[in-house]
Structure formats: C-alpha cells, structure tokens
Amino acid sequence: MSANELALRFSTAPAEQLIGRLPVLEVKEALWQEVEDEVLTEVYQEHEFEMEAVSEQTDVANRLASKFELVAETFGTAIRLALTLPPAEAKQILQDAIDDNPGYGREPDKG
C-alpha cells in the first residue's frame, strides 16, 4: 500500500474521494460512517429540540401547579381556621383568603 493510500485511509477526506483509490470495502465503510454520522447528528438535533420544548412545557405546568397548590393550601387553612371561630370572624377570614387570591372561585348562584 502506498503512502498516498495510507494517507487517504486515515484522512478526513469525503468518501467520494476514496472511490477508485482504496478497496471497495474500505470505501463502503467510509461511506457508511459518513452517512451514519450525518443521520445521528440530524436525529440528535431533532430530539434535542423536542426535549427542550417538552422541558419548557413541563416547567410552565409545574409553576402553574405550584401556584394552584399554594392557593388551595391558603383556602384550606382559611376554612379550617374559620370553622373554629365565631361566624363574623370566620366570614372575615374567608373573605381575606378570597381577597388575597383574586381570580379564584366563582360567584355562587343565588337562586
């Protein structure tokens, strides 16, 4: 094997440049490696993008869940406290919990 063939065999030259200069099996292996590297890189990039998107969605959902948990805990604590107080104080505790957490709950039907 000549020095040029050795240099080609261990070079980073595109596989197309090896055709006719190295044995067919070595060219085939070089082509296989190039294609495999390209495909793996492309699949990894696609997967990475999807994982980042899912991770971002998970973070948003976790923040929202934490907010809901805090509000539920606040209301639960207010209800438990209200059950131990006289009606006027209990009503004020519950009203304070509602005022501290705007946007939660519905107006009751007065029917």
N, C-alpha and C. Protein backbone atom coordinates (compact mmCIF):
# COMPACT_ATOMS: atom_id res chain seq x y z
N MET A 1 0.85 -1.16 0.00
CA MET A 1 0.00 0.00 0.00
C MET A 1 0.90 1.23 0.00
N SER A 2 0.56 2.16 -0.84
CA SER A 2 1.40 3.35 -0.98
C SER A 2 1.12 4.35 0.16
N ALA A 3 2.01 5.31 0.26
CA ALA A 3 1.85 6.34 1.28
C ALA A 3 0.57 7.15 1.03
N ASN A 4 0.26 7.36 -0.24
CA ASN A 4 -0.97 8.10 -0.57
C ASN A 4 -2.21 7.34 -0.14
N GLU A 5 -2.21 6.02 -0.36
CA GLU A 5 -3.35 5.21 0.06
C GLU A 5 -3.50 5.21 1.57
N LEU A 6 -2.37 5.12 2.28
CA LEU A 6 -2.42 5.18 3.74
C LEU A 6 -2.95 6.53 4.21
N ALA A 7 -2.47 7.58 3.58
CA ALA A 7 -2.93 8.91 3.95
C ALA A 7 -4.42 9.06 3.71
N LEU A 8 -4.92 8.54 2.59
CA LEU A 8 -6.35 8.61 2.28
C LEU A 8 -7.16 7.79 3.28
N ARG A 9 -6.64 6.60 3.62
CA ARG A 9 -7.36 5.70 4.51
C ARG A 9 -7.61 6.37 5.87
N PHE A 10 -6.65 7.11 6.37
CA PHE A 10 -6.77 7.71 7.70
C PHE A 10 -7.06 9.21 7.65
N SER A 11 -7.42 9.70 6.49
CA SER A 11 -7.73 11.12 6.36
C SER A 11 -9.21 11.38 6.66
N THR A 12 -9.54 12.63 6.65
CA THR A 12 -10.94 13.02 6.82
C THR A 12 -11.57 13.38 5.48
N ALA A 13 -10.95 12.92 4.42
CA ALA A 13 -11.44 13.21 3.07
C ALA A 13 -12.82 12.58 2.90
N PRO A 14 -13.70 13.23 2.13
CA PRO A 14 -15.02 12.65 1.86
C PRO A 14 -14.86 11.27 1.20
N ALA A 15 -15.78 10.40 1.49
CA ALA A 15 -15.71 9.03 0.98
C ALA A 15 -15.69 8.99 -0.54
N GLU A 16 -16.33 9.98 -1.18
CA GLU A 16 -16.35 10.00 -2.65
C GLU A 16 -14.93 10.10 -3.23
N GLN A 17 -14.02 10.75 -2.51
CA GLN A 17 -12.65 10.87 -2.99
C GLN A 17 -11.88 9.56 -2.87
N LEU A 18 -12.40 8.64 -2.09
CA LEU A 18 -11.72 7.36 -1.91
C LEU A 18 -12.05 6.36 -3.00
N ILE A 19 -13.14 6.60 -3.73
CA ILE A 19 -13.57 5.67 -4.77
C ILE A 19 -12.48 5.55 -5.83
N GLY A 20 -12.11 4.33 -6.13
CA GLY A 20 -11.10 4.04 -7.13
C GLY A 20 -9.68 4.11 -6.60
N ARG A 21 -9.52 4.59 -5.39
CA ARG A 21 -8.17 4.70 -4.81
C ARG A 21 -7.95 3.70 -3.68
N LEU A 22 -9.04 3.31 -3.03
CA LEU A 22 -8.95 2.33 -1.95
C LEU A 22 -9.87 1.14 -2.29
N PRO A 23 -9.67 0.01 -1.65
CA PRO A 23 -10.55 -1.14 -1.89
C PRO A 23 -12.01 -0.80 -1.63
N VAL A 24 -12.89 -1.47 -2.34
CA VAL A 24 -14.32 -1.20 -2.28
C VAL A 24 -14.86 -1.29 -0.84
N LEU A 25 -14.44 -2.29 -0.08
CA LEU A 25 -14.94 -2.44 1.28
C LEU A 25 -14.56 -1.26 2.17
N GLU A 26 -13.36 -0.74 1.96
CA GLU A 26 -12.94 0.42 2.75
C GLU A 26 -13.74 1.66 2.36
N VAL A 27 -14.03 1.82 1.09
CA VAL A 27 -14.84 2.95 0.63
C VAL A 27 -16.26 2.80 1.18
N LYS A 28 -16.77 1.56 1.12
CA LYS A 28 -18.11 1.30 1.64
C LYS A 28 -18.18 1.65 3.14
N GLU A 29 -17.17 1.26 3.89
CA GLU A 29 -17.13 1.55 5.32
C GLU A 29 -17.07 3.07 5.57
N ALA A 30 -16.28 3.75 4.75
CA ALA A 30 -16.16 5.20 4.88
C ALA A 30 -17.49 5.88 4.57
N LEU A 31 -18.18 5.43 3.51
CA LEU A 31 -19.49 5.98 3.17
C LEU A 31 -20.50 5.71 4.29
N TRP A 32 -20.47 4.50 4.79
CA TRP A 32 -21.36 4.12 5.89
C TRP A 32 -21.15 5.05 7.09
N GLN A 33 -19.90 5.28 7.42
CA GLN A 33 -19.58 6.13 8.58
C GLN A 33 -20.06 7.56 8.37
N GLU A 34 -19.86 8.08 7.15
CA GLU A 34 -20.32 9.44 6.85
C GLU A 34 -21.83 9.56 6.99
N VAL A 35 -22.54 8.61 6.39
CA VAL A 35 -24.00 8.64 6.44
C VAL A 35 -24.48 8.47 7.88
N GLU A 36 -23.87 7.54 8.59
CA GLU A 36 -24.27 7.30 9.97
C GLU A 36 -24.06 8.56 10.82
N ASP A 37 -22.93 9.20 10.65
CA ASP A 37 -22.66 10.43 11.41
C ASP A 37 -23.69 11.52 11.10
N GLU A 38 -24.00 11.69 9.81
CA GLU A 38 -24.97 12.71 9.41
C GLU A 38 -26.35 12.41 9.98
N VAL A 39 -26.76 11.14 9.87
CA VAL A 39 -28.09 10.76 10.35
C VAL A 39 -28.17 10.90 11.87
N LEU A 40 -27.16 10.43 12.58
CA LEU A 40 -27.17 10.54 14.04
C LEU A 40 -27.20 12.00 14.49
N THR A 41 -26.44 12.84 13.82
CA THR A 41 -26.43 14.25 14.16
C THR A 41 -27.81 14.87 13.93
N GLU A 42 -28.41 14.55 12.79
CA GLU A 42 -29.72 15.10 12.47
C GLU A 42 -30.79 14.61 13.46
N VAL A 43 -30.78 13.33 13.76
CA VAL A 43 -31.75 12.78 14.71
C VAL A 43 -31.53 13.38 16.10
N TYR A 44 -30.29 13.52 16.51
CA TYR A 44 -29.99 14.11 17.81
C TYR A 44 -30.51 15.55 17.88
N GLN A 45 -30.29 16.31 16.81
CA GLN A 45 -30.74 17.70 16.81
C GLN A 45 -32.26 17.78 16.90
N GLU A 46 -32.96 16.92 16.16
CA GLU A 46 -34.41 16.90 16.23
C GLU A 46 -34.86 16.52 17.63
N HIS A 47 -34.26 15.50 18.18
CA HIS A 47 -34.61 15.02 19.51
C HIS A 47 -34.33 16.09 20.55
N GLU A 48 -33.20 16.75 20.42
CA GLU A 48 -32.83 17.80 21.38
C GLU A 48 -33.85 18.93 21.36
N PHE A 49 -34.28 19.34 20.17
CA PHE A 49 -35.27 20.40 20.05
C PHE A 49 -36.58 20.00 20.72
N GLU A 50 -37.03 18.77 20.47
CA GLU A 50 -38.27 18.29 21.06
C GLU A 50 -38.15 18.20 22.58
N MET A 51 -37.02 17.74 23.06
CA MET A 51 -36.82 17.62 24.51
C MET A 51 -36.80 19.00 25.17
N GLU A 52 -36.20 19.97 24.52
CA GLU A 52 -36.21 21.33 25.07
C GLU A 52 -37.63 21.87 25.14
N ALA A 53 -38.42 21.60 24.09
CA ALA A 53 -39.81 22.07 24.07
C ALA A 53 -40.62 21.40 25.18
N VAL A 54 -40.44 20.10 25.33
CA VAL A 54 -41.16 19.37 26.38
C VAL A 54 -40.72 19.85 27.76
N SER A 55 -39.44 20.08 27.92
CA SER A 55 -38.93 20.57 29.20
C SER A 55 -39.52 21.93 29.54
N GLU A 56 -39.62 22.80 28.55
CA GLU A 56 -40.20 24.12 28.77
C GLU A 56 -41.67 24.01 29.15
N GLN A 57 -42.41 23.15 28.45
CA GLN A 57 -43.82 22.93 28.78
C GLN A 57 -43.98 22.37 30.19
N THR A 58 -43.10 21.48 30.57
CA THR A 58 -43.14 20.89 31.91
C THR A 58 -42.88 21.95 32.97
N ASP A 59 -41.91 22.82 32.72
CA ASP A 59 -41.61 23.91 33.66
C ASP A 59 -42.82 24.82 33.86
N VAL A 60 -43.48 25.17 32.76
CA VAL A 60 -44.67 26.03 32.84
C VAL A 60 -45.77 25.33 33.64
N ALA A 61 -45.99 24.06 33.34
CA ALA A 61 -47.03 23.30 34.05
C ALA A 61 -46.69 23.17 35.53
N ASN A 62 -45.43 22.96 35.86
CA ASN A 62 -45.04 22.85 37.26
C ASN A 62 -45.22 24.16 38.01
N ARG A 63 -44.90 25.27 37.36
CA ARG A 63 -45.11 26.57 38.01
C ARG A 63 -46.60 26.81 38.27
N LEU A 64 -47.43 26.48 37.29
CA LEU A 64 -48.87 26.65 37.44
C LEU A 64 -49.40 25.72 38.54
N ALA A 65 -48.94 24.49 38.58
CA ALA A 65 -49.36 23.54 39.61
C ALA A 65 -48.95 24.04 41.00
N SER A 66 -47.76 24.60 41.12
CA SER A 66 -47.31 25.14 42.41
C SER A 66 -48.19 26.30 42.85
N LYS A 67 -48.58 27.14 41.89
CA LYS A 67 -49.45 28.27 42.21
C LYS A 67 -50.81 27.76 42.68
N PHE A 68 -51.38 26.78 41.98
CA PHE A 68 -52.67 26.21 42.39
C PHE A 68 -52.57 25.55 43.76
N GLU A 69 -51.47 24.87 44.00
CA GLU A 69 -51.27 24.21 45.28
C GLU A 69 -51.23 25.23 46.42
N LEU A 70 -50.54 26.33 46.21
CA LEU A 70 -50.45 27.38 47.22
C LEU A 70 -51.83 27.99 47.49
N VAL A 71 -52.59 28.24 46.44
CA VAL A 71 -53.93 28.81 46.61
C VAL A 71 -54.83 27.82 47.35
N ALA A 72 -54.78 26.56 46.97
CA ALA A 72 -55.59 25.54 47.64
C ALA A 72 -55.22 25.43 49.11
N GLU A 73 -53.94 25.49 49.39
CA GLU A 73 -53.48 25.42 50.78
C GLU A 73 -53.97 26.64 51.57
N THR A 74 -53.91 27.80 50.94
CA THR A 74 -54.38 29.02 51.59
C THR A 74 -55.87 28.93 51.91
N PHE A 75 -56.66 28.49 50.94
CA PHE A 75 -58.10 28.36 51.16
C PHE A 75 -58.40 27.28 52.20
N GLY A 76 -57.69 26.17 52.14
CA GLY A 76 -57.89 25.10 53.11
C GLY A 76 -57.59 25.56 54.53
N THR A 77 -56.50 26.28 54.69
CA THR A 77 -56.13 26.80 56.00
C THR A 77 -57.17 27.80 56.50
N ALA A 78 -57.66 28.66 55.61
CA ALA A 78 -58.68 29.64 55.99
C ALA A 78 -59.96 28.94 56.41
N ILE A 79 -60.35 27.91 55.69
CA ILE A 79 -61.57 27.17 56.03
C ILE A 79 -61.41 26.49 57.40
N ARG A 80 -60.27 25.86 57.61
CA ARG A 80 -60.05 25.19 58.91
C ARG A 80 -60.08 26.20 60.05
N LEU A 81 -59.47 27.34 59.85
CA LEU A 81 -59.47 28.37 60.88
C LEU A 81 -60.89 28.90 61.08
N ALA A 82 -61.60 29.14 59.99
CA ALA A 82 -62.96 29.68 60.07
C ALA A 82 -63.89 28.75 60.85
N LEU A 83 -63.67 27.47 60.76
CA LEU A 83 -64.52 26.51 61.47
C LEU A 83 -64.38 26.62 62.99
N THR A 84 -63.30 27.22 63.45
CA THR A 84 -63.05 27.34 64.89
C THR A 84 -63.44 28.71 65.45
N LEU A 85 -63.90 29.60 64.60
CA LEU A 85 -64.18 30.98 65.03
C LEU A 85 -65.68 31.28 65.02
N PRO A 86 -66.06 32.33 65.72
CA PRO A 86 -67.46 32.78 65.65
C PRO A 86 -67.77 33.23 64.21
N PRO A 87 -69.03 33.18 63.80
CA PRO A 87 -69.41 33.46 62.41
C PRO A 87 -68.86 34.76 61.83
N ALA A 88 -68.87 35.84 62.53
CA ALA A 88 -68.40 37.12 61.97
C ALA A 88 -66.90 37.07 61.68
N GLU A 89 -66.14 36.50 62.60
CA GLU A 89 -64.69 36.39 62.39
C GLU A 89 -64.39 35.37 61.28
N ALA A 90 -65.14 34.28 61.26
CA ALA A 90 -64.95 33.25 60.24
C ALA A 90 -65.18 33.83 58.85
N LYS A 91 -66.26 34.62 58.73
CA LYS A 91 -66.57 35.24 57.44
C LYS A 91 -65.43 36.16 56.99
N GLN A 92 -64.87 36.91 57.94
CA GLN A 92 -63.77 37.83 57.59
C GLN A 92 -62.52 37.05 57.16
N ILE A 93 -62.21 35.95 57.84
CA ILE A 93 -61.05 35.11 57.46
C ILE A 93 -61.23 34.58 56.05
N LEU A 94 -62.43 34.10 55.76
CA LEU A 94 -62.70 33.56 54.41
C LEU A 94 -62.65 34.66 53.35
N GLN A 95 -63.19 35.82 53.68
CA GLN A 95 -63.16 36.94 52.74
C GLN A 95 -61.72 37.39 52.48
N ASP A 96 -60.90 37.40 53.52
CA ASP A 96 -59.49 37.76 53.35
C ASP A 96 -58.78 36.78 52.43
N ALA A 97 -59.08 35.49 52.58
CA ALA A 97 -58.46 34.47 51.71
C ALA A 97 -58.86 34.69 50.25
N ILE A 98 -60.14 35.04 50.04
CA ILE A 98 -60.61 35.31 48.68
C ILE A 98 -59.94 36.56 48.13
N ASP A 99 -59.86 37.61 48.95
CA ASP A 99 -59.25 38.87 48.50
C ASP A 99 -57.76 38.72 48.21
N ASP A 100 -57.08 37.85 48.98
CA ASP A 100 -55.64 37.62 48.77
C ASP A 100 -55.34 36.78 47.53
N ASN A 101 -56.37 36.14 46.98
CA ASN A 101 -56.19 35.25 45.82
C ASN A 101 -57.22 35.59 44.75
N PRO A 102 -57.13 36.77 44.15
CA PRO A 102 -58.13 37.17 43.15
C PRO A 102 -58.11 36.23 41.94
N GLY A 103 -59.29 36.04 41.37
CA GLY A 103 -59.38 35.23 40.17
C GLY A 103 -59.72 33.77 40.44
N TYR A 104 -59.84 33.41 41.70
CA TYR A 104 -60.16 32.02 42.02
C TYR A 104 -61.57 31.95 42.58
N GLY A 105 -62.27 30.90 42.23
CA GLY A 105 -63.64 30.71 42.69
C GLY A 105 -64.62 31.41 41.79
N ARG A 106 -65.87 31.01 41.92
CA ARG A 106 -66.96 31.62 41.13
C ARG A 106 -67.94 32.26 42.09
N GLU A 107 -68.67 33.19 41.56
CA GLU A 107 -69.74 33.78 42.35
C GLU A 107 -70.82 32.71 42.51
N PRO A 108 -71.31 32.52 43.72
CA PRO A 108 -72.34 31.50 43.91
C PRO A 108 -73.66 31.91 43.27
N ASP A 109 -74.40 30.91 42.80
CA ASP A 109 -75.74 31.16 42.26
C ASP A 109 -76.66 31.48 43.42
N LYS A 110 -77.39 32.55 43.33
CA LYS A 110 -78.32 32.94 44.38
C LYS A 110 -79.73 32.69 43.86
N GLY A 111 -80.03 31.43 43.79
CA GLY A 111 -81.31 31.11 43.17
C GLY A 111 -82.16 30.35 44.03
